[in-house]
């Protein structure tokens, strides 16, 4: 390698990671359910942040639980909001601490979905799965070798271009 090395400071991805989480949540319903008829998740909002030098995904989503009660004569949908803070494990491209000037971008790879739901009295237990990804961009240094050799096109003379080359 040549001794003619230059350092270029630029922004680049310095760390990234993803996390698949399966978490069990407990909800208390307004009525004693006879049967859970369905569950769906809406309004998923999230952001990626660095708090105390740890990358995190912070978010919320609404869980809608449809169930029957009164000996299956009536059914109702209840909505419960879930808030989460997930510490994200990342692979670092270089050994350094995260800084306030670093840019953090989060992405949802798989939206939250209900895997299972069961009830005991007024309490409903649900297993919810989601997959999130995080990328951290920061200042970094790359090294390049500079060559002083001439290239073939350096010796070419200027080429004249005819501005009327296209005929109607």
C-alpha atoms as a PDB file:
ATOM      1  CA  UNK A   1       0.000   0.000   0.000  1.00  0.00           C
ATOM      2  CA  UNK A   2       1.175   3.469  -0.808  1.00  0.00           C
ATOM      3  CA  UNK A   3       2.233   5.990   1.784  1.00  0.00           C
ATOM      4  CA  UNK A   4      -0.044   8.479   0.075  1.00  0.00           C
ATOM      5  CA  UNK A   5      -3.134   7.936   2.283  1.00  0.00           C
ATOM      6  CA  UNK A   6      -5.929  10.446   2.846  1.00  0.00           C
ATOM      7  CA  UNK A   7      -8.572  10.419   5.566  1.00  0.00           C
ATOM      8  CA  UNK A   8     -12.083  11.457   4.624  1.00  0.00           C
ATOM      9  CA  UNK A   9     -14.601  12.284   7.333  1.00  0.00           C
ATOM     10  CA  UNK A  10     -18.177  11.481   6.378  1.00  0.00           C
ATOM     11  CA  UNK A  11     -21.529  10.269   7.711  1.00  0.00           C
ATOM     12  CA  UNK A  12     -22.060   6.533   7.434  1.00  0.00           C
ATOM     13  CA  UNK A  13     -23.960   3.732   9.171  1.00  0.00           C
ATOM     14  CA  UNK A  14     -21.941   2.930  12.289  1.00  0.00           C
ATOM     15  CA  UNK A  15     -24.337   0.398  13.860  1.00  0.00           C
ATOM     16  CA  UNK A  16     -27.484  -1.532  13.071  1.00  0.00           C
ATOM     17  CA  UNK A  17     -29.611  -4.298  14.470  1.00  0.00           C
ATOM     18  CA  UNK A  18     -33.042  -5.872  14.544  1.00  0.00           C
ATOM     19  CA  UNK A  19     -35.196  -7.470  17.187  1.00  0.00           C
ATOM     20  CA  UNK A  20     -38.042  -9.966  16.992  1.00  0.00           C
ATOM     21  CA  UNK A  21     -40.075  -9.749  20.180  1.00  0.00           C
ATOM     22  CA  UNK A  22     -42.886 -11.950  21.470  1.00  0.00           C
ATOM     23  CA  UNK A  23     -44.388 -10.409  24.565  1.00  0.00           C
ATOM     24  CA  UNK A  24     -47.353 -11.501  26.682  1.00  0.00           C
ATOM     25  CA  UNK A  25     -49.758  -8.727  27.692  1.00  0.00           C
ATOM     26  CA  UNK A  26     -52.608  -8.899  30.176  1.00  0.00           C
ATOM     27  CA  UNK A  27     -55.815  -6.882  29.792  1.00  0.00           C
ATOM     28  CA  UNK A  28     -58.829  -6.584  32.075  1.00  0.00           C
ATOM     29  CA  UNK A  29     -62.161  -6.464  30.239  1.00  0.00           C
ATOM     30  CA  UNK A  30     -65.365  -4.706  31.288  1.00  0.00           C
ATOM     31  CA  UNK A  31     -67.422  -7.952  31.154  1.00  0.00           C
ATOM     32  CA  UNK A  32     -66.749 -11.620  31.841  1.00  0.00           C
ATOM     33  CA  UNK A  33     -66.103 -13.042  28.348  1.00  0.00           C
ATOM     34  CA  UNK A  34     -67.620 -16.322  27.202  1.00  0.00           C
ATOM     35  CA  UNK A  35     -65.324 -16.487  24.196  1.00  0.00           C
ATOM     36  CA  UNK A  36     -62.657 -14.401  22.465  1.00  0.00           C
ATOM     37  CA  UNK A  37     -63.956 -13.840  18.926  1.00  0.00           C
ATOM     38  CA  UNK A  38     -61.033 -11.898  17.488  1.00  0.00           C
ATOM     39  CA  UNK A  39     -58.153  -9.560  18.018  1.00  0.00           C
ATOM     40  CA  UNK A  40     -56.516  -7.004  15.785  1.00  0.00           C
ATOM     41  CA  UNK A  41     -53.892  -4.314  16.250  1.00  0.00           C
ATOM     42  CA  UNK A  42     -54.005  -0.791  14.800  1.00  0.00           C
ATOM     43  CA  UNK A  43     -52.351   2.624  15.107  1.00  0.00           C
ATOM     44  CA  UNK A  44     -48.767   1.421  15.515  1.00  0.00           C
ATOM     45  CA  UNK A  45     -46.508   4.461  16.009  1.00  0.00           C
ATOM     46  CA  UNK A  46     -42.823   4.296  16.929  1.00  0.00           C
ATOM     47  CA  UNK A  47     -39.557   6.184  16.931  1.00  0.00           C
ATOM     48  CA  UNK A  48     -35.921   5.203  17.299  1.00  0.00           C
ATOM     49  CA  UNK A  49     -33.873   7.066  19.905  1.00  0.00           C
ATOM     50  CA  UNK A  50     -30.650   6.831  21.862  1.00  0.00           C
ATOM     51  CA  UNK A  51     -31.154   7.230  25.624  1.00  0.00           C
ATOM     52  CA  UNK A  52     -28.195   6.975  27.977  1.00  0.00           C
ATOM     53  CA  UNK A  53     -26.066   5.742  25.035  1.00  0.00           C
ATOM     54  CA  UNK A  54     -28.440   2.790  24.452  1.00  0.00           C
ATOM     55  CA  UNK A  55     -30.450   2.501  21.202  1.00  0.00           C
ATOM     56  CA  UNK A  56     -34.169   2.058  21.871  1.00  0.00           C
ATOM     57  CA  UNK A  57     -37.449   1.761  20.000  1.00  0.00           C
ATOM     58  CA  UNK A  58     -40.300   3.583  21.726  1.00  0.00           C
ATOM     59  CA  UNK A  59     -43.838   3.071  20.505  1.00  0.00           C
ATOM     60  CA  UNK A  60     -47.528   2.525  21.020  1.00  0.00           C
ATOM     61  CA  UNK A  61     -50.291   0.485  19.403  1.00  0.00           C
ATOM     62  CA  UNK A  62     -53.972  -0.201  20.026  1.00  0.00           C
ATOM     63  CA  UNK A  63     -55.249  -3.719  20.736  1.00  0.00           C
ATOM     64  CA  UNK A  64     -58.882  -4.360  19.808  1.00  0.00           C
ATOM     65  CA  UNK A  65     -60.427  -7.366  21.572  1.00  0.00           C
ATOM     66  CA  UNK A  66     -63.725  -8.719  20.263  1.00  0.00           C
ATOM     67  CA  UNK A  67     -65.500 -11.052  22.669  1.00  0.00           C
ATOM     68  CA  UNK A  68     -68.902 -12.465  23.505  1.00  0.00           C
ATOM     69  CA  UNK A  69     -70.600 -12.343  26.926  1.00  0.00           C
ATOM     70  CA  UNK A  70     -73.984 -13.050  28.582  1.00  0.00           C
ATOM     71  CA  UNK A  71     -74.038 -16.648  27.363  1.00  0.00           C
ATOM     72  CA  UNK A  72     -72.901 -15.522  23.908  1.00  0.00           C
ATOM     73  CA  UNK A  73     -75.979 -13.314  23.417  1.00  0.00           C
ATOM     74  CA  UNK A  74     -73.970 -10.105  23.204  1.00  0.00           C
ATOM     75  CA  UNK A  75     -70.592  -9.190  21.763  1.00  0.00           C
ATOM     76  CA  UNK A  76     -68.418  -6.134  22.153  1.00  0.00           C
ATOM     77  CA  UNK A  77     -65.065  -4.763  21.011  1.00  0.00           C
ATOM     78  CA  UNK A  78     -62.802  -3.141  23.590  1.00  0.00           C
ATOM     79  CA  UNK A  79     -59.722  -1.114  22.765  1.00  0.00           C
ATOM     80  CA  UNK A  80     -56.610  -1.028  24.952  1.00  0.00           C
ATOM     81  CA  UNK A  81     -53.461   0.982  24.254  1.00  0.00           C
ATOM     82  CA  UNK A  82     -50.020  -0.599  24.702  1.00  0.00           C
ATOM     83  CA  UNK A  83     -46.834   1.416  25.196  1.00  0.00           C
ATOM     84  CA  UNK A  84     -43.446  -0.236  24.780  1.00  0.00           C
ATOM     85  CA  UNK A  85     -39.754   0.598  25.095  1.00  0.00           C
ATOM     86  CA  UNK A  86     -37.441  -1.984  23.525  1.00  0.00           C
ATOM     87  CA  UNK A  87     -33.683  -1.886  24.074  1.00  0.00           C
ATOM     88  CA  UNK A  88     -32.119  -2.743  20.726  1.00  0.00           C
ATOM     89  CA  UNK A  89     -29.010  -4.883  20.371  1.00  0.00           C
ATOM     90  CA  UNK A  90     -26.856  -3.502  17.574  1.00  0.00           C
ATOM     91  CA  UNK A  91     -23.729  -4.592  15.772  1.00  0.00           C
ATOM     92  CA  UNK A  92     -21.215  -1.761  15.723  1.00  0.00           C
ATOM     93  CA  UNK A  93     -19.015  -1.147  12.686  1.00  0.00           C
ATOM     94  CA  UNK A  94     -16.466   0.571  14.921  1.00  0.00           C
ATOM     95  CA  UNK A  95     -15.773   0.714  18.637  1.00  0.00           C
ATOM     96  CA  UNK A  96     -17.172   4.024  19.829  1.00  0.00           C
ATOM     97  CA  UNK A  97     -19.914   5.438  22.039  1.00  0.00           C
ATOM     98  CA  UNK A  98     -23.079   6.820  20.493  1.00  0.00           C
ATOM     99  CA  UNK A  99     -23.312  10.617  20.425  1.00  0.00           C
ATOM    100  CA  UNK A 100     -26.139  13.152  20.393  1.00  0.00           C
ATOM    101  CA  UNK A 101     -25.196  14.138  16.838  1.00  0.00           C
ATOM    102  CA  UNK A 102     -25.779  10.561  15.579  1.00  0.00           C
ATOM    103  CA  UNK A 103     -28.863  10.040  13.436  1.00  0.00           C
ATOM    104  CA  UNK A 104     -31.156   7.172  14.385  1.00  0.00           C
ATOM    105  CA  UNK A 105     -33.633   5.569  11.991  1.00  0.00           C
ATOM    106  CA  UNK A 106     -36.137   2.905  12.962  1.00  0.00           C
ATOM    107  CA  UNK A 107     -38.200   0.646  10.761  1.00  0.00           C
ATOM    108  CA  UNK A 108     -40.956  -1.856  11.435  1.00  0.00           C
ATOM    109  CA  UNK A 109     -40.170  -5.090   9.577  1.00  0.00           C
ATOM    110  CA  UNK A 110     -43.259  -6.961  10.849  1.00  0.00           C
ATOM    111  CA  UNK A 111     -46.193  -5.053  12.336  1.00  0.00           C
ATOM    112  CA  UNK A 112     -47.480  -6.160  15.742  1.00  0.00           C
ATOM    113  CA  UNK A 113     -49.841  -9.111  15.468  1.00  0.00           C
ATOM    114  CA  UNK A 114     -51.669 -11.310  17.956  1.00  0.00           C
ATOM    115  CA  UNK A 115     -50.367 -14.888  18.088  1.00  0.00           C
ATOM    116  CA  UNK A 116     -52.706 -16.190  20.799  1.00  0.00           C
ATOM    117  CA  UNK A 117     -55.399 -15.024  23.211  1.00  0.00           C
ATOM    118  CA  UNK A 118     -56.945 -16.710  26.236  1.00  0.00           C
ATOM    119  CA  UNK A 119     -59.162 -15.531  29.090  1.00  0.00           C
ATOM    120  CA  UNK A 120     -59.640 -16.265  32.769  1.00  0.00           C
ATOM    121  CA  UNK A 121     -62.474 -14.331  34.345  1.00  0.00           C
ATOM    122  CA  UNK A 122     -62.269 -10.722  33.141  1.00  0.00           C
ATOM    123  CA  UNK A 123     -58.550 -11.063  32.376  1.00  0.00           C
ATOM    124  CA  UNK A 124     -57.306 -11.700  28.835  1.00  0.00           C
ATOM    125  CA  UNK A 125     -53.747 -12.837  28.128  1.00  0.00           C
ATOM    126  CA  UNK A 126     -52.391 -12.170  24.647  1.00  0.00           C
ATOM    127  CA  UNK A 127     -49.076 -13.017  23.010  1.00  0.00           C
ATOM    128  CA  UNK A 128     -48.086 -10.292  20.542  1.00  0.00           C
ATOM    129  CA  UNK A 129     -45.195 -10.439  18.088  1.00  0.00           C
ATOM    130  CA  UNK A 130     -43.404  -7.637  16.204  1.00  0.00           C
ATOM    131  CA  UNK A 131     -40.036  -7.162  14.486  1.00  0.00           C
ATOM    132  CA  UNK A 132     -38.179  -3.855  14.512  1.00  0.00           C
ATOM    133  CA  UNK A 133     -34.934  -2.650  12.907  1.00  0.00           C
ATOM    134  CA  UNK A 134     -32.649   0.250  13.839  1.00  0.00           C
ATOM    135  CA  UNK A 135     -29.792   2.000  12.009  1.00  0.00           C
ATOM    136  CA  UNK A 136     -27.446   4.562  13.510  1.00  0.00           C
ATOM    137  CA  UNK A 137     -25.514   6.943  11.270  1.00  0.00           C
ATOM    138  CA  UNK A 138     -22.656   9.001  12.603  1.00  0.00           C
ATOM    139  CA  UNK A 139     -19.410  10.702  11.759  1.00  0.00           C
ATOM    140  CA  UNK A 140     -16.695   8.282  10.775  1.00  0.00           C
ATOM    141  CA  UNK A 141     -13.375   8.295   8.989  1.00  0.00           C
ATOM    142  CA  UNK A 142     -12.499   6.335   5.870  1.00  0.00           C
ATOM    143  CA  UNK A 143      -8.996   6.035   4.478  1.00  0.00           C
ATOM    144  CA  UNK A 144      -8.256   6.040   0.770  1.00  0.00           C
ATOM    145  CA  UNK A 145      -5.050   5.572  -1.186  1.00  0.00           C
ATOM    146  CA  UNK A 146      -4.236   8.375  -3.590  1.00  0.00           C
ATOM    147  CA  UNK A 147      -2.297   7.465  -6.749  1.00  0.00           C
ATOM    148  CA  UNK A 148      -0.307  10.027  -8.691  1.00  0.00           C
ATOM    149  CA  UNK A 149      -0.314   8.016 -11.896  1.00  0.00           C
ATOM    150  CA  UNK A 150      -1.742   9.624 -15.013  1.00  0.00           C
ATOM    151  CA  UNK A 151      -4.813   8.099 -16.555  1.00  0.00           C
ATOM    152  CA  UNK A 152      -5.291   7.558 -20.305  1.00  0.00           C
ATOM    153  CA  UNK A 153      -8.050  10.158 -20.568  1.00  0.00           C
ATOM    154  CA  UNK A 154      -5.828  12.811 -18.941  1.00  0.00           C
ATOM    155  CA  UNK A 155      -3.874  13.101 -22.243  1.00  0.00           C
ATOM    156  CA  UNK A 156      -6.905  13.349 -24.525  1.00  0.00           C
ATOM    157  CA  UNK A 157      -7.436  16.662 -26.232  1.00  0.00           C
ATOM    158  CA  UNK A 158     -10.704  18.523 -25.830  1.00  0.00           C
ATOM    159  CA  UNK A 159     -13.380  17.091 -28.076  1.00  0.00           C
ATOM    160  CA  UNK A 160     -15.509  19.533 -29.997  1.00  0.00           C
ATOM    161  CA  UNK A 161     -19.208  18.779 -29.968  1.00  0.00           C
ATOM    162  CA  UNK A 162     -21.433  19.877 -32.818  1.00  0.00           C
ATOM    163  CA  UNK A 163     -24.539  21.455 -31.211  1.00  0.00           C
ATOM    164  CA  UNK A 164     -26.505  20.784 -34.448  1.00  0.00           C
ATOM    165  CA  UNK A 165     -25.962  17.008 -34.442  1.00  0.00           C
ATOM    166  CA  UNK A 166     -29.698  16.330 -34.139  1.00  0.00           C
ATOM    167  CA  UNK A 167     -31.592  17.104 -37.326  1.00  0.00           C
ATOM    168  CA  UNK A 168     -35.315  17.593 -37.451  1.00  0.00           C
END
